[in-house]
PDB file of N, CA and C in Angstrom:
ATOM      1  N   UNK A   1     -21.600  15.148 -13.884  1.00  0.00           N
ATOM      2  CA  UNK A   1     -22.070  13.855 -13.428  1.00  0.00           C
ATOM      3  C   UNK A   1     -21.924  12.858 -14.576  1.00  0.00           C
ATOM      4  N   UNK A   2     -20.866  12.052 -14.544  1.00  0.00           N
ATOM      5  CA  UNK A   2     -20.644  11.083 -15.612  1.00  0.00           C
ATOM      6  C   UNK A   2     -21.560   9.869 -15.496  1.00  0.00           C
ATOM      7  N   UNK A   3     -22.269   9.740 -14.385  1.00  0.00           N
ATOM      8  CA  UNK A   3     -23.204   8.620 -14.229  1.00  0.00           C
ATOM      9  C   UNK A   3     -24.314   8.668 -15.274  1.00  0.00           C
ATOM     10  N   UNK A   4     -24.703   9.880 -15.703  1.00  0.00           N
ATOM     11  CA  UNK A   4     -25.742   9.989 -16.729  1.00  0.00           C
ATOM     12  C   UNK A   4     -25.251   9.405 -18.052  1.00  0.00           C
ATOM     13  N   UNK A   5     -24.027   9.694 -18.434  1.00  0.00           N
ATOM     14  CA  UNK A   5     -23.510   9.125 -19.690  1.00  0.00           C
ATOM     15  C   UNK A   5     -23.357   7.611 -19.579  1.00  0.00           C
ATOM     16  N   UNK A   6     -23.003   7.125 -18.404  1.00  0.00           N
ATOM     17  CA  UNK A   6     -22.913   5.677 -18.185  1.00  0.00           C
ATOM     18  C   UNK A   6     -24.295   5.048 -18.319  1.00  0.00           C
ATOM     19  N   UNK A   7     -25.295   5.673 -17.704  1.00  0.00           N
ATOM     20  CA  UNK A   7     -26.669   5.163 -17.789  1.00  0.00           C
ATOM     21  C   UNK A   7     -27.153   5.151 -19.237  1.00  0.00           C
ATOM     22  N   UNK A   8     -26.861   6.203 -19.976  1.00  0.00           N
ATOM     23  CA  UNK A   8     -27.268   6.255 -21.388  1.00  0.00           C
ATOM     24  C   UNK A   8     -26.607   5.141 -22.195  1.00  0.00           C
ATOM     25  N   UNK A   9     -25.344   4.869 -21.929  1.00  0.00           N
ATOM     26  CA  UNK A   9     -24.645   3.781 -22.620  1.00  0.00           C
ATOM     27  C   UNK A   9     -25.250   2.423 -22.277  1.00  0.00           C
ATOM     28  N   UNK A  10     -25.593   2.237 -21.005  1.00  0.00           N
ATOM     29  CA  UNK A  10     -26.200   0.972 -20.589  1.00  0.00           C
ATOM     30  C   UNK A  10     -27.559   0.783 -21.265  1.00  0.00           C
ATOM     31  N   UNK A  11     -28.330   1.846 -21.361  1.00  0.00           N
ATOM     32  CA  UNK A  11     -29.650   1.778 -21.985  1.00  0.00           C
ATOM     33  C   UNK A  11     -29.516   1.486 -23.479  1.00  0.00           C
ATOM     34  N   UNK A  12     -28.538   2.104 -24.115  1.00  0.00           N
ATOM     35  CA  UNK A  12     -28.295   1.843 -25.539  1.00  0.00           C
ATOM     36  C   UNK A  12     -27.923   0.373 -25.763  1.00  0.00           C
ATOM     37  N   UNK A  13     -27.042  -0.149 -24.914  1.00  0.00           N
ATOM     38  CA  UNK A  13     -26.629  -1.547 -25.026  1.00  0.00           C
ATOM     39  C   UNK A  13     -27.827  -2.476 -24.819  1.00  0.00           C
ATOM     40  N   UNK A  14     -28.647  -2.192 -23.815  1.00  0.00           N
ATOM     41  CA  UNK A  14     -29.812  -3.033 -23.537  1.00  0.00           C
ATOM     42  C   UNK A  14     -30.824  -2.962 -24.674  1.00  0.00           C
ATOM     43  N   UNK A  15     -31.004  -1.791 -25.249  1.00  0.00           N
ATOM     44  CA  UNK A  15     -31.929  -1.636 -26.374  1.00  0.00           C
ATOM     45  C   UNK A  15     -31.455  -2.436 -27.582  1.00  0.00           C
ATOM     46  N   UNK A  16     -30.142  -2.401 -27.852  1.00  0.00           N
ATOM     47  CA  UNK A  16     -29.588  -3.173 -28.966  1.00  0.00           C
ATOM     48  C   UNK A  16     -29.756  -4.674 -28.725  1.00  0.00           C
ATOM     49  N   UNK A  17     -29.533  -5.110 -27.497  1.00  0.00           N
ATOM     50  CA  UNK A  17     -29.694  -6.525 -27.164  1.00  0.00           C
ATOM     51  C   UNK A  17     -31.145  -6.952 -27.318  1.00  0.00           C
ATOM     52  N   UNK A  18     -32.077  -6.119 -26.853  1.00  0.00           N
ATOM     53  CA  UNK A  18     -33.501  -6.430 -26.988  1.00  0.00           C
ATOM     54  C   UNK A  18     -33.904  -6.478 -28.458  1.00  0.00           C
ATOM     55  N   UNK A  19     -33.363  -5.590 -29.265  1.00  0.00           N
ATOM     56  CA  UNK A  19     -33.696  -5.576 -30.691  1.00  0.00           C
ATOM     57  C   UNK A  19     -33.261  -6.868 -31.366  1.00  0.00           C
ATOM     58  N   UNK A  20     -32.100  -7.374 -31.001  1.00  0.00           N
ATOM     59  CA  UNK A  20     -31.609  -8.636 -31.555  1.00  0.00           C
ATOM     60  C   UNK A  20     -32.542  -9.786 -31.197  1.00  0.00           C
ATOM     61  N   UNK A  21     -33.161  -9.692 -30.023  1.00  0.00           N
ATOM     62  CA  UNK A  21     -34.042 -10.770 -29.541  1.00  0.00           C
ATOM     63  C   UNK A  21     -35.501 -10.540 -29.908  1.00  0.00           C
ATOM     64  N   UNK A  22     -35.793  -9.605 -30.784  1.00  0.00           N
ATOM     65  CA  UNK A  22     -37.166  -9.385 -31.227  1.00  0.00           C
ATOM     66  C   UNK A  22     -37.904  -8.314 -30.456  1.00  0.00           C
ATOM     67  N   UNK A  23     -37.191  -7.449 -29.776  1.00  0.00           N
ATOM     68  CA  UNK A  23     -37.738  -6.314 -29.024  1.00  0.00           C
ATOM     69  C   UNK A  23     -38.683  -6.661 -27.873  1.00  0.00           C
ATOM     70  N   UNK A  24     -38.331  -7.641 -27.056  1.00  0.00           N
ATOM     71  CA  UNK A  24     -39.136  -7.837 -25.845  1.00  0.00           C
ATOM     72  C   UNK A  24     -38.903  -6.665 -24.894  1.00  0.00           C
ATOM     73  N   UNK A  25     -39.820  -6.471 -23.975  1.00  0.00           N
ATOM     74  CA  UNK A  25     -39.674  -5.397 -22.992  1.00  0.00           C
ATOM     75  C   UNK A  25     -38.582  -5.783 -22.000  1.00  0.00           C
ATOM     76  N   UNK A  26     -37.664  -4.846 -21.727  1.00  0.00           N
ATOM     77  CA  UNK A  26     -36.637  -5.055 -20.704  1.00  0.00           C
ATOM     78  C   UNK A  26     -37.260  -4.678 -19.365  1.00  0.00           C
ATOM     79  N   UNK A  27     -37.336  -5.644 -18.440  1.00  0.00           N
ATOM     80  CA  UNK A  27     -37.948  -5.369 -17.140  1.00  0.00           C
ATOM     81  C   UNK A  27     -36.917  -5.018 -16.070  1.00  0.00           C
ATOM     82  N   UNK A  28     -35.676  -5.496 -16.253  1.00  0.00           N
ATOM     83  CA  UNK A  28     -34.626  -5.192 -15.268  1.00  0.00           C
ATOM     84  C   UNK A  28     -33.253  -5.340 -15.894  1.00  0.00           C
ATOM     85  N   UNK A  29     -32.332  -4.555 -15.367  1.00  0.00           N
ATOM     86  CA  UNK A  29     -30.931  -4.654 -15.741  1.00  0.00           C
ATOM     87  C   UNK A  29     -30.153  -4.911 -14.454  1.00  0.00           C
ATOM     88  N   UNK A  30     -29.296  -5.946 -14.481  1.00  0.00           N
ATOM     89  CA  UNK A  30     -28.488  -6.304 -13.317  1.00  0.00           C
ATOM     90  C   UNK A  30     -27.061  -5.826 -13.542  1.00  0.00           C
ATOM     91  N   UNK A  31     -26.513  -5.187 -12.524  1.00  0.00           N
ATOM     92  CA  UNK A  31     -25.203  -4.566 -12.623  1.00  0.00           C
ATOM     93  C   UNK A  31     -24.360  -4.917 -11.409  1.00  0.00           C
ATOM     94  N   UNK A  32     -23.076  -5.216 -11.628  1.00  0.00           N
ATOM     95  CA  UNK A  32     -22.117  -5.361 -10.531  1.00  0.00           C
ATOM     96  C   UNK A  32     -21.352  -4.057 -10.441  1.00  0.00           C
ATOM     97  N   UNK A  33     -21.246  -3.524  -9.222  1.00  0.00           N
ATOM     98  CA  UNK A  33     -20.608  -2.229  -9.028  1.00  0.00           C
ATOM     99  C   UNK A  33     -19.670  -2.279  -7.833  1.00  0.00           C
ATOM    100  N   UNK A  34     -18.401  -2.000  -8.079  1.00  0.00           N
ATOM    101  CA  UNK A  34     -17.403  -1.981  -7.022  1.00  0.00           C
ATOM    102  C   UNK A  34     -17.150  -0.567  -6.538  1.00  0.00           C
ATOM    103  N   UNK A  35     -16.736  -0.421  -5.281  1.00  0.00           N
ATOM    104  CA  UNK A  35     -16.497   0.919  -4.728  1.00  0.00           C
ATOM    105  C   UNK A  35     -15.316   1.640  -5.371  1.00  0.00           C
ATOM    106  N   UNK A  36     -14.451   0.929  -6.088  1.00  0.00           N
ATOM    107  CA  UNK A  36     -13.318   1.569  -6.746  1.00  0.00           C
ATOM    108  C   UNK A  36     -13.597   1.866  -8.221  1.00  0.00           C
ATOM    109  N   UNK A  37     -14.837   1.720  -8.643  1.00  0.00           N
ATOM    110  CA  UNK A  37     -15.208   1.965 -10.041  1.00  0.00           C
ATOM    111  C   UNK A  37     -15.255   3.451 -10.377  1.00  0.00           C
ATOM    112  N   UNK A  38     -15.365   4.280  -9.372  1.00  0.00           N
ATOM    113  CA  UNK A  38     -15.486   5.717  -9.608  1.00  0.00           C
ATOM    114  C   UNK A  38     -16.907   6.150  -9.889  1.00  0.00           C
ATOM    115  N   UNK A  39     -17.859   5.263  -9.666  1.00  0.00           N
ATOM    116  CA  UNK A  39     -19.266   5.554  -9.930  1.00  0.00           C
ATOM    117  C   UNK A  39     -20.023   5.597  -8.613  1.00  0.00           C
ATOM    118  N   UNK A  40     -20.842   6.630  -8.441  1.00  0.00           N
ATOM    119  CA  UNK A  40     -21.671   6.764  -7.250  1.00  0.00           C
ATOM    120  C   UNK A  40     -22.987   6.042  -7.517  1.00  0.00           C
ATOM    121  N   UNK A  41     -23.253   5.016  -6.723  1.00  0.00           N
ATOM    122  CA  UNK A  41     -24.424   4.155  -6.934  1.00  0.00           C
ATOM    123  C   UNK A  41     -25.725   4.958  -6.987  1.00  0.00           C
ATOM    124  N   UNK A  42     -25.920   5.845  -6.043  1.00  0.00           N
ATOM    125  CA  UNK A  42     -27.167   6.613  -5.974  1.00  0.00           C
ATOM    126  C   UNK A  42     -27.326   7.505  -7.203  1.00  0.00           C
ATOM    127  N   UNK A  43     -26.230   8.115  -7.660  1.00  0.00           N
ATOM    128  CA  UNK A  43     -26.283   8.971  -8.847  1.00  0.00           C
ATOM    129  C   UNK A  43     -26.585   8.145 -10.094  1.00  0.00           C
ATOM    130  N   UNK A  44     -26.022   6.943 -10.176  1.00  0.00           N
ATOM    131  CA  UNK A  44     -26.289   6.078 -11.320  1.00  0.00           C
ATOM    132  C   UNK A  44     -27.740   5.620 -11.329  1.00  0.00           C
ATOM    133  N   UNK A  45     -28.259   5.245 -10.187  1.00  0.00           N
ATOM    134  CA  UNK A  45     -29.652   4.808 -10.091  1.00  0.00           C
ATOM    135  C   UNK A  45     -30.600   5.932 -10.502  1.00  0.00           C
ATOM    136  N   UNK A  46     -30.336   7.133 -10.008  1.00  0.00           N
ATOM    137  CA  UNK A  46     -31.142   8.308 -10.361  1.00  0.00           C
ATOM    138  C   UNK A  46     -31.042   8.588 -11.858  1.00  0.00           C
ATOM    139  N   UNK A  47     -29.826   8.569 -12.387  1.00  0.00           N
ATOM    140  CA  UNK A  47     -29.598   8.843 -13.807  1.00  0.00           C
ATOM    141  C   UNK A  47     -30.272   7.795 -14.686  1.00  0.00           C
ATOM    142  N   UNK A  48     -30.222   6.539 -14.264  1.00  0.00           N
ATOM    143  CA  UNK A  48     -30.840   5.460 -15.026  1.00  0.00           C
ATOM    144  C   UNK A  48     -32.346   5.699 -15.157  1.00  0.00           C
ATOM    145  N   UNK A  49     -32.969   6.043 -14.058  1.00  0.00           N
ATOM    146  CA  UNK A  49     -34.419   6.273 -14.075  1.00  0.00           C
ATOM    147  C   UNK A  49     -34.779   7.407 -15.028  1.00  0.00           C
ATOM    148  N   UNK A  50     -34.021   8.485 -14.987  1.00  0.00           N
ATOM    149  CA  UNK A  50     -34.291   9.630 -15.862  1.00  0.00           C
ATOM    150  C   UNK A  50     -33.997   9.274 -17.320  1.00  0.00           C
ATOM    151  N   UNK A  51     -32.876   8.604 -17.564  1.00  0.00           N
ATOM    152  CA  UNK A  51     -32.469   8.277 -18.935  1.00  0.00           C
ATOM    153  C   UNK A  51     -33.413   7.279 -19.593  1.00  0.00           C
ATOM    154  N   UNK A  52     -34.112   6.479 -18.821  1.00  0.00           N
ATOM    155  CA  UNK A  52     -35.044   5.485 -19.371  1.00  0.00           C
ATOM    156  C   UNK A  52     -36.336   6.115 -19.893  1.00  0.00           C
ATOM    157  N   UNK A  53     -36.656   7.306 -19.426  1.00  0.00           N
ATOM    158  CA  UNK A  53     -37.922   7.943 -19.831  1.00  0.00           C
ATOM    159  C   UNK A  53     -37.987   8.100 -21.346  1.00  0.00           C
ATOM    160  N   UNK A  54     -39.104   7.649 -21.900  1.00  0.00           N
ATOM    161  CA  UNK A  54     -39.314   7.768 -23.335  1.00  0.00           C
ATOM    162  C   UNK A  54     -38.563   6.744 -24.166  1.00  0.00           C
ATOM    163  N   UNK A  55     -37.964   5.750 -23.515  1.00  0.00           N
ATOM    164  CA  UNK A  55     -37.253   4.684 -24.236  1.00  0.00           C
ATOM    165  C   UNK A  55     -37.977   3.363 -23.998  1.00  0.00           C
ATOM    166  N   UNK A  56     -37.608   2.323 -24.730  1.00  0.00           N
ATOM    167  CA  UNK A  56     -38.207   1.008 -24.483  1.00  0.00           C
ATOM    168  C   UNK A  56     -37.920   0.462 -23.076  1.00  0.00           C
ATOM    169  N   UNK A  57     -36.954   1.049 -22.380  1.00  0.00           N
ATOM    170  CA  UNK A  57     -36.615   0.580 -21.029  1.00  0.00           C
ATOM    171  C   UNK A  57     -37.376   1.324 -19.937  1.00  0.00           C
ATOM    172  N   UNK A  58     -38.237   2.240 -20.319  1.00  0.00           N
ATOM    173  CA  UNK A  58     -38.996   2.985 -19.317  1.00  0.00           C
ATOM    174  C   UNK A  58     -39.772   2.014 -18.425  1.00  0.00           C
ATOM    175  N   UNK A  59     -39.639   2.199 -17.122  1.00  0.00           N
ATOM    176  CA  UNK A  59     -40.305   1.325 -16.160  1.00  0.00           C
ATOM    177  C   UNK A  59     -39.461   0.147 -15.718  1.00  0.00           C
ATOM    178  N   UNK A  60     -38.303  -0.045 -16.336  1.00  0.00           N
ATOM    179  CA  UNK A  60     -37.435  -1.146 -15.927  1.00  0.00           C
ATOM    180  C   UNK A  60     -36.700  -0.794 -14.640  1.00  0.00           C
ATOM    181  N   UNK A  61     -36.198  -1.814 -13.965  1.00  0.00           N
ATOM    182  CA  UNK A  61     -35.473  -1.628 -12.708  1.00  0.00           C
ATOM    183  C   UNK A  61     -33.980  -1.818 -12.934  1.00  0.00           C
ATOM    184  N   UNK A  62     -33.190  -1.033 -12.229  1.00  0.00           N
ATOM    185  CA  UNK A  62     -31.748  -1.228 -12.200  1.00  0.00           C
ATOM    186  C   UNK A  62     -31.432  -1.914 -10.882  1.00  0.00           C
ATOM    187  N   UNK A  63     -30.931  -3.129 -10.949  1.00  0.00           N
ATOM    188  CA  UNK A  63     -30.605  -3.911  -9.757  1.00  0.00           C
ATOM    189  C   UNK A  63     -29.091  -3.958  -9.637  1.00  0.00           C
ATOM    190  N   UNK A  64     -28.577  -3.316  -8.587  1.00  0.00           N
ATOM    191  CA  UNK A  64     -27.135  -3.170  -8.416  1.00  0.00           C
ATOM    192  C   UNK A  64     -26.642  -4.104  -7.316  1.00  0.00           C
ATOM    193  N   UNK A  65     -25.674  -4.939  -7.675  1.00  0.00           N
ATOM    194  CA  UNK A  65     -25.005  -5.799  -6.699  1.00  0.00           C
ATOM    195  C   UNK A  65     -23.706  -5.107  -6.297  1.00  0.00           C
ATOM    196  N   UNK A  66     -23.580  -4.789  -5.028  1.00  0.00           N
ATOM    197  CA  UNK A  66     -22.368  -4.164  -4.524  1.00  0.00           C
ATOM    198  C   UNK A  66     -21.277  -5.214  -4.395  1.00  0.00           C
ATOM    199  N   UNK A  67     -20.138  -4.968  -5.036  1.00  0.00           N
ATOM    200  CA  UNK A  67     -19.004  -5.885  -5.021  1.00  0.00           C
ATOM    201  C   UNK A  67     -17.966  -5.327  -4.045  1.00  0.00           C
ATOM    202  N   UNK A  68     -17.535  -6.114  -3.062  1.00  0.00           N
ATOM    203  CA  UNK A  68     -16.546  -5.602  -2.112  1.00  0.00           C
ATOM    204  C   UNK A  68     -15.147  -5.543  -2.717  1.00  0.00           C
ATOM    205  N   UNK A  69     -14.301  -4.754  -2.090  1.00  0.00           N
ATOM    206  CA  UNK A  69     -12.894  -4.705  -2.490  1.00  0.00           C
ATOM    207  C   UNK A  69     -12.203  -5.932  -1.909  1.00  0.00           C
ATOM    208  N   UNK A  70     -11.516  -6.675  -2.773  1.00  0.00           N
ATOM    209  CA  UNK A  70     -10.724  -7.820  -2.332  1.00  0.00           C
ATOM    210  C   UNK A  70      -9.278  -7.537  -2.718  1.00  0.00           C
ATOM    211  N   UNK A  71      -8.396  -7.699  -1.740  1.00  0.00           N
ATOM    212  CA  UNK A  71      -6.980  -7.410  -1.926  1.00  0.00           C
ATOM    213  C   UNK A  71      -6.188  -8.695  -1.738  1.00  0.00           C
ATOM    214  N   UNK A  72      -5.221  -8.920  -2.626  1.00  0.00           N
ATOM    215  CA  UNK A  72      -4.320 -10.072  -2.527  1.00  0.00           C
ATOM    216  C   UNK A  72      -2.949  -9.572  -2.091  1.00  0.00           C
ATOM    217  N   UNK A  73      -2.427 -10.142  -1.021  1.00  0.00           N
ATOM    218  CA  UNK A  73      -1.116  -9.766  -0.504  1.00  0.00           C
ATOM    219  C   UNK A  73      -0.039 -10.562  -1.217  1.00  0.00           C
ATOM    220  N   UNK A  74       0.890  -9.855  -1.853  1.00  0.00           N
ATOM    221  CA  UNK A  74       1.985 -10.515  -2.575  1.00  0.00           C
ATOM    222  C   UNK A  74       2.999 -11.134  -1.621  1.00  0.00           C
ATOM    223  N   UNK A  75       3.068 -10.619  -0.402  1.00  0.00           N
ATOM    224  CA  UNK A  75       4.065 -11.100   0.558  1.00  0.00           C
ATOM    225  C   UNK A  75       3.647 -12.421   1.193  1.00  0.00           C
ATOM    226  N   UNK A  76       2.444 -12.483   1.768  1.00  0.00           N
ATOM    227  CA  UNK A  76       2.033 -13.701   2.477  1.00  0.00           C
ATOM    228  C   UNK A  76       1.008 -14.535   1.716  1.00  0.00           C
ATOM    229  N   UNK A  77       0.468 -13.994   0.620  1.00  0.00           N
ATOM    230  CA  UNK A  77      -0.477 -14.743  -0.189  1.00  0.00           C
ATOM    231  C   UNK A  77      -1.911 -14.697   0.291  1.00  0.00           C
ATOM    232  N   UNK A  78      -2.163 -13.980   1.372  1.00  0.00           N
ATOM    233  CA  UNK A  78      -3.523 -13.877   1.902  1.00  0.00           C
ATOM    234  C   UNK A  78      -4.382 -13.049   0.946  1.00  0.00           C
ATOM    235  N   UNK A  79      -5.640 -13.375   0.879  1.00  0.00           N
ATOM    236  CA  UNK A  79      -6.590 -12.617   0.064  1.00  0.00           C
ATOM    237  C   UNK A  79      -7.769 -12.271   0.954  1.00  0.00           C
ATOM    238  N   UNK A  80      -7.990 -10.975   1.149  1.00  0.00           N
ATOM    239  CA  UNK A  80      -9.007 -10.555   2.112  1.00  0.00           C
ATOM    240  C   UNK A  80      -9.881  -9.430   1.560  1.00  0.00           C
ATOM    241  N   UNK A  81     -11.095  -9.366   2.088  1.00  0.00           N
ATOM    242  CA  UNK A  81     -11.986  -8.248   1.814  1.00  0.00           C
ATOM    243  C   UNK A  81     -11.488  -7.094   2.666  1.00  0.00           C
ATOM    244  N   UNK A  82     -11.281  -5.964   2.038  1.00  0.00           N
ATOM    245  CA  UNK A  82     -10.672  -4.830   2.724  1.00  0.00           C
ATOM    246  C   UNK A  82     -11.542  -3.594   2.683  1.00  0.00           C
ATOM    247  N   UNK A  83     -11.262  -2.713   3.606  1.00  0.00           N
ATOM    248  CA  UNK A  83     -11.814  -1.374   3.564  1.00  0.00           C
ATOM    249  C   UNK A  83     -10.991  -0.566   2.577  1.00  0.00           C
ATOM    250  N   UNK A  84     -11.604   0.359   1.904  1.00  0.00           N
ATOM    251  CA  UNK A  84     -10.915   1.145   0.898  1.00  0.00           C
ATOM    252  C   UNK A  84      -9.803   1.998   1.516  1.00  0.00           C
ATOM    253  N   UNK A  85      -9.994   2.455   2.734  1.00  0.00           N
ATOM    254  CA  UNK A  85      -9.053   3.375   3.358  1.00  0.00           C
ATOM    255  C   UNK A  85      -7.705   2.738   3.689  1.00  0.00           C
ATOM    256  N   UNK A  86      -7.655   1.417   3.867  1.00  0.00           N
ATOM    257  CA  UNK A  86      -6.414   0.782   4.293  1.00  0.00           C
ATOM    258  C   UNK A  86      -6.229  -0.517   3.517  1.00  0.00           C
ATOM    259  N   UNK A  87      -5.354  -0.479   2.535  1.00  0.00           N
ATOM    260  CA  UNK A  87      -5.145  -1.655   1.700  1.00  0.00           C
ATOM    261  C   UNK A  87      -3.968  -2.501   2.173  1.00  0.00           C
ATOM    262  N   UNK A  88      -3.514  -2.263   3.411  1.00  0.00           N
ATOM    263  CA  UNK A  88      -2.457  -3.109   3.971  1.00  0.00           C
ATOM    264  C   UNK A  88      -3.039  -4.464   4.359  1.00  0.00           C
ATOM    265  N   UNK A  89      -2.203  -5.489   4.273  1.00  0.00           N
ATOM    266  CA  UNK A  89      -2.622  -6.843   4.633  1.00  0.00           C
ATOM    267  C   UNK A  89      -2.849  -6.907   6.145  1.00  0.00           C
ATOM    268  N   UNK A  90      -4.014  -7.371   6.591  1.00  0.00           N
ATOM    269  CA  UNK A  90      -4.267  -7.464   8.030  1.00  0.00           C
ATOM    270  C   UNK A  90      -3.472  -8.587   8.702  1.00  0.00           C
ATOM    271  N   UNK A  91      -2.985  -9.523   7.896  1.00  0.00           N
ATOM    272  CA  UNK A  91      -2.227 -10.645   8.454  1.00  0.00           C
ATOM    273  C   UNK A  91      -0.757 -10.269   8.713  1.00  0.00           C
ATOM    274  N   UNK A  92      -0.090  -9.668   7.696  1.00  0.00           N
ATOM    275  CA  UNK A  92       1.343  -9.381   7.831  1.00  0.00           C
ATOM    276  C   UNK A  92       1.661  -7.884   7.771  1.00  0.00           C
ATOM    277  N   UNK A  93       0.640  -7.048   7.601  1.00  0.00           N
ATOM    278  CA  UNK A  93       0.760  -5.588   7.579  1.00  0.00           C
ATOM    279  C   UNK A  93       1.553  -5.067   6.373  1.00  0.00           C
ATOM    280  N   UNK A  94       1.736  -5.882   5.354  1.00  0.00           N
ATOM    281  CA  UNK A  94       2.472  -5.478   4.157  1.00  0.00           C
ATOM    282  C   UNK A  94       1.611  -4.567   3.292  1.00  0.00           C
ATOM    283  N   UNK A  95       2.258  -3.638   2.617  1.00  0.00           N
ATOM    284  CA  UNK A  95       1.567  -2.800   1.638  1.00  0.00           C
ATOM    285  C   UNK A  95       1.794  -3.328   0.220  1.00  0.00           C
ATOM    286  N   UNK A  96       2.472  -4.462   0.113  1.00  0.00           N
ATOM    287  CA  UNK A  96       2.743  -5.086  -1.174  1.00  0.00           C
ATOM    288  C   UNK A  96       1.543  -5.949  -1.571  1.00  0.00           C
ATOM    289  N   UNK A  97       0.481  -5.273  -1.965  1.00  0.00           N
ATOM    290  CA  UNK A  97      -0.746  -5.986  -2.311  1.00  0.00           C
ATOM    291  C   UNK A  97      -1.351  -5.353  -3.556  1.00  0.00           C
ATOM    292  N   UNK A  98      -2.288  -6.081  -4.145  1.00  0.00           N
ATOM    293  CA  UNK A  98      -2.983  -5.525  -5.300  1.00  0.00           C
ATOM    294  C   UNK A  98      -4.466  -5.894  -5.232  1.00  0.00           C
ATOM    295  N   UNK A  99      -5.254  -5.022  -5.790  1.00  0.00           N
ATOM    296  CA  UNK A  99      -6.708  -5.187  -5.786  1.00  0.00           C
ATOM    297  C   UNK A  99      -7.078  -6.214  -6.851  1.00  0.00           C
ATOM    298  N   UNK A 100      -7.832  -7.238  -6.456  1.00  0.00           N
ATOM    299  CA  UNK A 100      -8.293  -8.249  -7.405  1.00  0.00           C
ATOM    300  C   UNK A 100      -9.791  -8.136  -7.681  1.00  0.00           C
ATOM    301  N   UNK A 101     -10.471  -7.359  -6.876  1.00  0.00           N
ATOM    302  CA  UNK A 101     -11.910  -7.164  -7.058  1.00  0.00           C
ATOM    303  C   UNK A 101     -12.292  -5.841  -6.430  1.00  0.00           C
ATOM    304  N   UNK A 102     -13.266  -5.162  -7.029  1.00  0.00           N
ATOM    305  CA  UNK A 102     -13.757  -3.917  -6.465  1.00  0.00           C
ATOM    306  C   UNK A 102     -13.806  -2.770  -7.446  1.00  0.00           C
ATOM    307  N   UNK A 103     -13.296  -3.016  -8.662  1.00  0.00           N
ATOM    308  CA  UNK A 103     -13.322  -1.973  -9.699  1.00  0.00           C
ATOM    309  C   UNK A 103     -14.475  -2.182 -10.692  1.00  0.00           C
ATOM    310  N   UNK A 104     -15.297  -3.180 -10.456  1.00  0.00           N
ATOM    311  CA  UNK A 104     -16.330  -3.570 -11.417  1.00  0.00           C
ATOM    312  C   UNK A 104     -17.357  -2.468 -11.689  1.00  0.00           C
ATOM    313  N   UNK A 105     -17.704  -2.376 -12.955  1.00  0.00           N
ATOM    314  CA  UNK A 105     -18.876  -1.646 -13.448  1.00  0.00           C
ATOM    315  C   UNK A 105     -19.321  -2.472 -14.639  1.00  0.00           C
ATOM    316  N   UNK A 106     -20.145  -3.478 -14.355  1.00  0.00           N
ATOM    317  CA  UNK A 106     -20.404  -4.520 -15.337  1.00  0.00           C
ATOM    318  C   UNK A 106     -21.881  -4.891 -15.370  1.00  0.00           C
ATOM    319  N   UNK A 107     -22.470  -4.781 -16.549  1.00  0.00           N
ATOM    320  CA  UNK A 107     -23.837  -5.276 -16.742  1.00  0.00           C
ATOM    321  C   UNK A 107     -23.719  -6.784 -16.863  1.00  0.00           C
ATOM    322  N   UNK A 108     -24.398  -7.498 -15.960  1.00  0.00           N
ATOM    323  CA  UNK A 108     -24.267  -8.952 -15.951  1.00  0.00           C
ATOM    324  C   UNK A 108     -25.497  -9.677 -16.470  1.00  0.00           C
ATOM    325  N   UNK A 109     -26.654  -8.996 -16.506  1.00  0.00           N
ATOM    326  CA  UNK A 109     -27.861  -9.666 -16.994  1.00  0.00           C
ATOM    327  C   UNK A 109     -28.946  -8.654 -17.325  1.00  0.00           C
ATOM    328  N   UNK A 110     -29.791  -9.054 -18.260  1.00  0.00           N
ATOM    329  CA  UNK A 110     -31.003  -8.312 -18.569  1.00  0.00           C
ATOM    330  C   UNK A 110     -32.178  -9.248 -18.362  1.00  0.00           C
ATOM    331  N   UNK A 111     -33.222  -8.752 -17.745  1.00  0.00           N
ATOM    332  CA  UNK A 111     -34.464  -9.517 -17.653  1.00  0.00           C
ATOM    333  C   UNK A 111     -35.380  -9.019 -18.755  1.00  0.00           C
ATOM    334  N   UNK A 112     -35.804  -9.942 -19.613  1.00  0.00           N
ATOM    335  CA  UNK A 112     -36.659  -9.616 -20.739  1.00  0.00           C
ATOM    336  C   UNK A 112     -38.009 -10.278 -20.566  1.00  0.00           C
ATOM    337  N   UNK A 113     -39.063  -9.542 -20.897  1.00  0.00           N
ATOM    338  CA  UNK A 113     -40.419 -10.088 -20.825  1.00  0.00           C
ATOM    339  C   UNK A 113     -40.799 -10.585 -22.219  1.00  0.00           C
ATOM    340  N   UNK A 114     -40.244 -11.724 -22.583  1.00  0.00           N
ATOM    341  CA  UNK A 114     -40.476 -12.258 -23.922  1.00  0.00           C
ATOM    342  C   UNK A 114     -41.897 -12.799 -24.068  1.00  0.00           C
ATOM    343  N   UNK A 115     -42.527 -13.167 -23.002  1.00  0.00           N
ATOM    344  CA  UNK A 115     -43.915 -13.660 -23.063  1.00  0.00           C
ATOM    345  C   UNK A 115     -44.850 -12.543 -23.495  1.00  0.00           C
ATOM    346  N   UNK A 116     -44.564 -11.320 -23.093  1.00  0.00           N
ATOM    347  CA  UNK A 116     -45.387 -10.181 -23.480  1.00  0.00           C
ATOM    348  C   UNK A 116     -45.393 -10.027 -25.004  1.00  0.00           C
ATOM    349  N   UNK A 117     -44.241 -10.258 -25.641  1.00  0.00           N
ATOM    350  CA  UNK A 117     -44.146 -10.163 -27.094  1.00  0.00           C
ATOM    351  C   UNK A 117     -44.970 -11.240 -27.782  1.00  0.00           C
ATOM    352  N   UNK A 118     -45.065 -12.422 -27.172  1.00  0.00           N
ATOM    353  CA  UNK A 118     -45.835 -13.510 -27.788  1.00  0.00           C
ATOM    354  C   UNK A 118     -47.337 -13.211 -27.773  1.00  0.00           C
ATOM    355  N   UNK A 119     -47.798 -12.430 -26.810  1.00  0.00           N
ATOM    356  CA  UNK A 119     -49.220 -12.112 -26.682  1.00  0.00           C
ATOM    357  C   UNK A 119     -49.630 -11.070 -27.712  1.00  0.00           C
ATOM    358  N   UNK A 120     -48.739 -10.182 -28.090  1.00  0.00           N
ATOM    359  CA  UNK A 120     -49.079  -9.081 -29.018  1.00  0.00           C
ATOM    360  C   UNK A 120     -49.431  -9.558 -30.394  1.00  0.00           C
TER     361      UNK A 120
END
């Protein structure tokens, strides 16, 4: 299960970012995840929760935004949201297309509780 190593890397990155900002508590991590990323959302969510135990991120939430697959047709220029099973253009039925979105595995934001640090 490579999702555990991905979760550990995300937690390490978030911990380093929090340290730079004075170690506020990380309350949430926002992630964009595409179906072509090779990552199983449920496994990553489970792994994240386990990997956070005993770290400064314990109790934080992983908020995953599902990114659809978008395919651009080189023949007719159409750009459409597609099902993974059929990447042919629905307009001209061409297979001359390429994926422009859907491979994402990207941390896009951290929510930090900086007010909590000011109270301490």
